[in-house]
C-alpha atoms as a PDB file:
ATOM      1  CA  GLU A   1    -165.660-119.417-110.813  1.00  0.00           C
ATOM      2  CA  HIS A   2    -164.820-116.115-109.213  1.00  0.00           C
ATOM      3  CA  ALA A   3    -162.004-113.602-109.382  1.00  0.00           C
ATOM      4  CA  LEU A   4    -160.852-111.162-106.715  1.00  0.00           C
ATOM      5  CA  LEU A   5    -159.388-107.763-107.602  1.00  0.00           C
ATOM      6  CA  ALA A   6    -157.998-105.120-105.231  1.00  0.00           C
ATOM      7  CA  THR A   7    -157.291-101.624-106.540  1.00  0.00           C
ATOM      8  CA  ASN A   8    -156.015 -98.509-104.812  1.00  0.00           C
ATOM      9  CA  TRP A   9    -157.351 -95.072-105.702  1.00  0.00           C
ATOM     10  CA  VAL A  10    -155.510 -91.894-104.766  1.00  0.00           C
ATOM     11  CA  SER A  11    -157.125 -88.484-105.185  1.00  0.00           C
ATOM     12  CA  CYS A  12    -155.329 -85.220-104.545  1.00  0.00           C
ATOM     13  CA  GLY A  13    -156.430 -81.634-104.149  1.00  0.00           C
ATOM     14  CA  ALA A  14    -155.269 -79.556-101.199  1.00  0.00           C
ATOM     15  CA  SER A  15    -154.265 -82.904 -99.665  1.00  0.00           C
ATOM     16  CA  CYS A  16    -154.322 -86.519-100.867  1.00  0.00           C
ATOM     17  CA  ASN A  17    -156.625 -89.380 -99.874  1.00  0.00           C
ATOM     18  CA  SER A  18    -156.187 -93.073-100.554  1.00  0.00           C
ATOM     19  CA  HIS A  19    -158.973 -95.667-100.772  1.00  0.00           C
ATOM     20  CA  GLU A  20    -158.853 -99.319-101.708  1.00  0.00           C
ATOM     21  CA  ILE A  21    -161.634-101.231-103.396  1.00  0.00           C
ATOM     22  CA  VAL A  22    -161.886-105.024-103.328  1.00  0.00           C
ATOM     23  CA  GLN A  23    -164.208-106.490-105.940  1.00  0.00           C
ATOM     24  CA  VAL A  24    -165.438-110.035-106.500  1.00  0.00           C
ATOM     25  CA  PHE A  25    -166.248-110.937-110.099  1.00  0.00           C
ATOM     26  CA  GLU A  26    -168.040-113.925-111.562  1.00  0.00           C
ATOM     27  CA  LEU A  27    -168.584-114.903-115.159  1.00  0.00           C
ATOM     28  CA  ARG A  28    -172.129-114.508-116.441  1.00  0.00           C
ATOM     29  CA  ASP A  29    -172.768-115.311-120.069  1.00  0.00           C
ATOM     30  CA  GLY A  30    -169.006-115.205-120.628  1.00  0.00           C
ATOM     31  CA  ARG A  31    -168.606-111.698-119.172  1.00  0.00           C
ATOM     32  CA  PRO A  32    -167.109-110.615-115.837  1.00  0.00           C
ATOM     33  CA  VAL A  33    -169.699-109.069-113.502  1.00  0.00           C
ATOM     34  CA  VAL A  34    -169.031-107.440-110.119  1.00  0.00           C
ATOM     35  CA  VAL A  35    -171.023-109.371-107.516  1.00  0.00           C
ATOM     36  CA  GLN A  36    -169.526-107.874-104.346  1.00  0.00           C
ATOM     37  CA  GLN A  37    -167.533-104.758-103.539  1.00  0.00           C
ATOM     38  CA  ILE A  38    -165.838-103.699-100.303  1.00  0.00           C
ATOM     39  CA  SER A  39    -164.156-100.306-100.039  1.00  0.00           C
ATOM     40  CA  PHE A  40    -162.059 -98.892 -97.237  1.00  0.00           C
ATOM     41  CA  ASP A  41    -159.836 -95.956 -96.315  1.00  0.00           C
ATOM     42  CA  SER A  42    -156.234 -96.974 -96.981  1.00  0.00           C
ATOM     43  CA  ASP A  43    -154.693 -93.661 -95.949  1.00  0.00           C
ATOM     44  CA  ALA A  44    -152.557 -95.067 -93.092  1.00  0.00           C
ATOM     45  CA  ARG A  45    -149.514 -97.275 -92.633  1.00  0.00           C
ATOM     46  CA  GLY A  46    -150.413-100.973 -92.447  1.00  0.00           C
ATOM     47  CA  THR A  47    -153.598-100.910 -94.529  1.00  0.00           C
ATOM     48  CA  GLY A  48    -154.405-103.345 -97.317  1.00  0.00           C
ATOM     49  CA  ALA A  49    -156.237-106.489 -98.366  1.00  0.00           C
ATOM     50  CA  ASN A  50    -154.963-110.050 -98.138  1.00  0.00           C
ATOM     51  CA  PHE A  51    -156.624-113.222 -99.424  1.00  0.00           C
ATOM     52  CA  ASP A  52    -155.586-116.607 -98.045  1.00  0.00           C
ATOM     53  CA  ASP A  53    -156.416-119.245-100.636  1.00  0.00           C
ATOM     54  CA  ASN A  54    -156.015-122.162 -98.204  1.00  0.00           C
ATOM     55  CA  SER A  55    -158.517-120.887 -95.642  1.00  0.00           C
ATOM     56  CA  GLN A  56    -160.646-118.952 -98.177  1.00  0.00           C
ATOM     57  CA  THR A  57    -160.470-115.851 -95.999  1.00  0.00           C
ATOM     58  CA  LEU A  58    -160.075-112.209 -96.933  1.00  0.00           C
ATOM     59  CA  THR A  59    -158.551-109.849 -94.371  1.00  0.00           C
ATOM     60  CA  ILE A  60    -159.004-106.123 -94.878  1.00  0.00           C
ATOM     61  CA  THR A  61    -157.104-103.614 -92.790  1.00  0.00           C
ATOM     62  CA  GLY A  62    -158.347-100.052 -93.165  1.00  0.00           C
ATOM     63  CA  ARG A  63    -157.942 -96.755 -91.399  1.00  0.00           C
ATOM     64  CA  SER A  64    -160.499 -96.439 -88.596  1.00  0.00           C
ATOM     65  CA  ASN A  65    -163.200 -93.801 -88.856  1.00  0.00           C
ATOM     66  CA  GLU A  66    -162.151 -91.963 -85.711  1.00  0.00           C
ATOM     67  CA  GLU A  67    -161.363 -88.375 -84.833  1.00  0.00           C
ATOM     68  CA  SER A  68    -157.605 -88.373 -85.537  1.00  0.00           C
ATOM     69  CA  PRO A  69    -156.265 -85.684 -87.905  1.00  0.00           C
ATOM     70  CA  HIS A  70    -155.789 -86.575 -91.572  1.00  0.00           C
ATOM     71  CA  CYS A  71    -152.006 -86.539 -91.136  1.00  0.00           C
ATOM     72  CA  CYS A  72    -151.855 -88.728 -88.066  1.00  0.00           C
ATOM     73  CA  PRO A  73    -154.127 -91.788 -88.008  1.00  0.00           C
ATOM     74  CA  LYS A  74    -154.306 -93.543 -84.637  1.00  0.00           C
ATOM     75  CA  SER A  75    -156.029 -96.834 -85.335  1.00  0.00           C
ATOM     76  CA  LEU A  76    -156.853 -99.480 -87.932  1.00  0.00           C
ATOM     77  CA  ASP A  77    -159.905-101.685 -88.322  1.00  0.00           C
ATOM     78  CA  VAL A  78    -159.040-105.288 -89.187  1.00  0.00           C
ATOM     79  CA  VAL A  79    -161.990-107.165 -90.649  1.00  0.00           C
ATOM     80  CA  THR A  80    -161.852-110.818 -91.671  1.00  0.00           C
ATOM     81  CA  TYR A  81    -164.310-112.300 -94.139  1.00  0.00           C
ATOM     82  CA  ARG A  82    -164.827-115.954 -95.013  1.00  0.00           C
ATOM     83  CA  TRP A  83    -165.958-117.193 -98.394  1.00  0.00           C
ATOM     84  CA  ALA A  84    -169.524-118.520 -98.145  1.00  0.00           C
ATOM     85  CA  ARG A  85    -170.561-120.060-101.463  1.00  0.00           C
ATOM     86  CA  GLN A  86    -171.004-116.908-103.569  1.00  0.00           C
ATOM     87  CA  GLN A  87    -169.729-114.030-101.408  1.00  0.00           C
ATOM     88  CA  PHE A  88    -167.546-112.984 -98.503  1.00  0.00           C
ATOM     89  CA  VAL A  89    -169.253-112.827 -95.106  1.00  0.00           C
ATOM     90  CA  GLN A  90    -167.727-110.985 -92.143  1.00  0.00           C
ATOM     91  CA  SER A  91    -166.392-113.382 -89.516  1.00  0.00           C
ATOM     92  CA  SER A  92    -164.357-111.134 -87.189  1.00  0.00           C
ATOM     93  CA  TYR A  93    -163.432-107.546 -86.360  1.00  0.00           C
ATOM     94  CA  ARG A  94    -160.775-105.938 -84.202  1.00  0.00           C
ATOM     95  CA  ARG A  95    -159.207-102.482 -83.797  1.00  0.00           C
ATOM     96  CA  GLU A  96    -155.425-102.052 -83.689  1.00  0.00           C
ATOM     97  CA  VAL A  97    -153.002 -99.183 -83.192  1.00  0.00           C
ATOM     98  CA  VAL A  98    -151.336 -97.914 -86.392  1.00  0.00           C
ATOM     99  CA  PRO A  99    -147.809 -99.397 -86.549  1.00  0.00           C
ATOM    100  CA  ASP A 100    -144.865 -97.080 -85.893  1.00  0.00           C
ATOM    101  CA  SER A 101    -142.824 -95.961 -88.882  1.00  0.00           C
END
C-alpha cells in the first residue's frame, strides 16, 4: 500500500517564495519510506496538486519557469501523472495562462 502527501513550504526573506512537495510513501518493514517526490513552484494563483482516486491520476499545476517577474507570474505548467504499479509516470503536459484574480 502507498500513501500520498502534499505539503506547502513558504520561505520569506526580502520576499516570500512558496513551493509544494508531493511525496509517495510505502511501508517497508512497518515503516513509511519516501519512494517518489515531486516538487514544484506554487507561488502563483491556481497552483496545487490533485489526486483522482477513480482514475489513479495526479495532476500538478505549478508556476512555469519563465521570465515573468516574481510578483506577476504569467503562466502555469499542468502536468498529469498516472499511477503505474509503484510510482507516478508523466502522461501529459500543457501550459496555461495564470487565472485572473
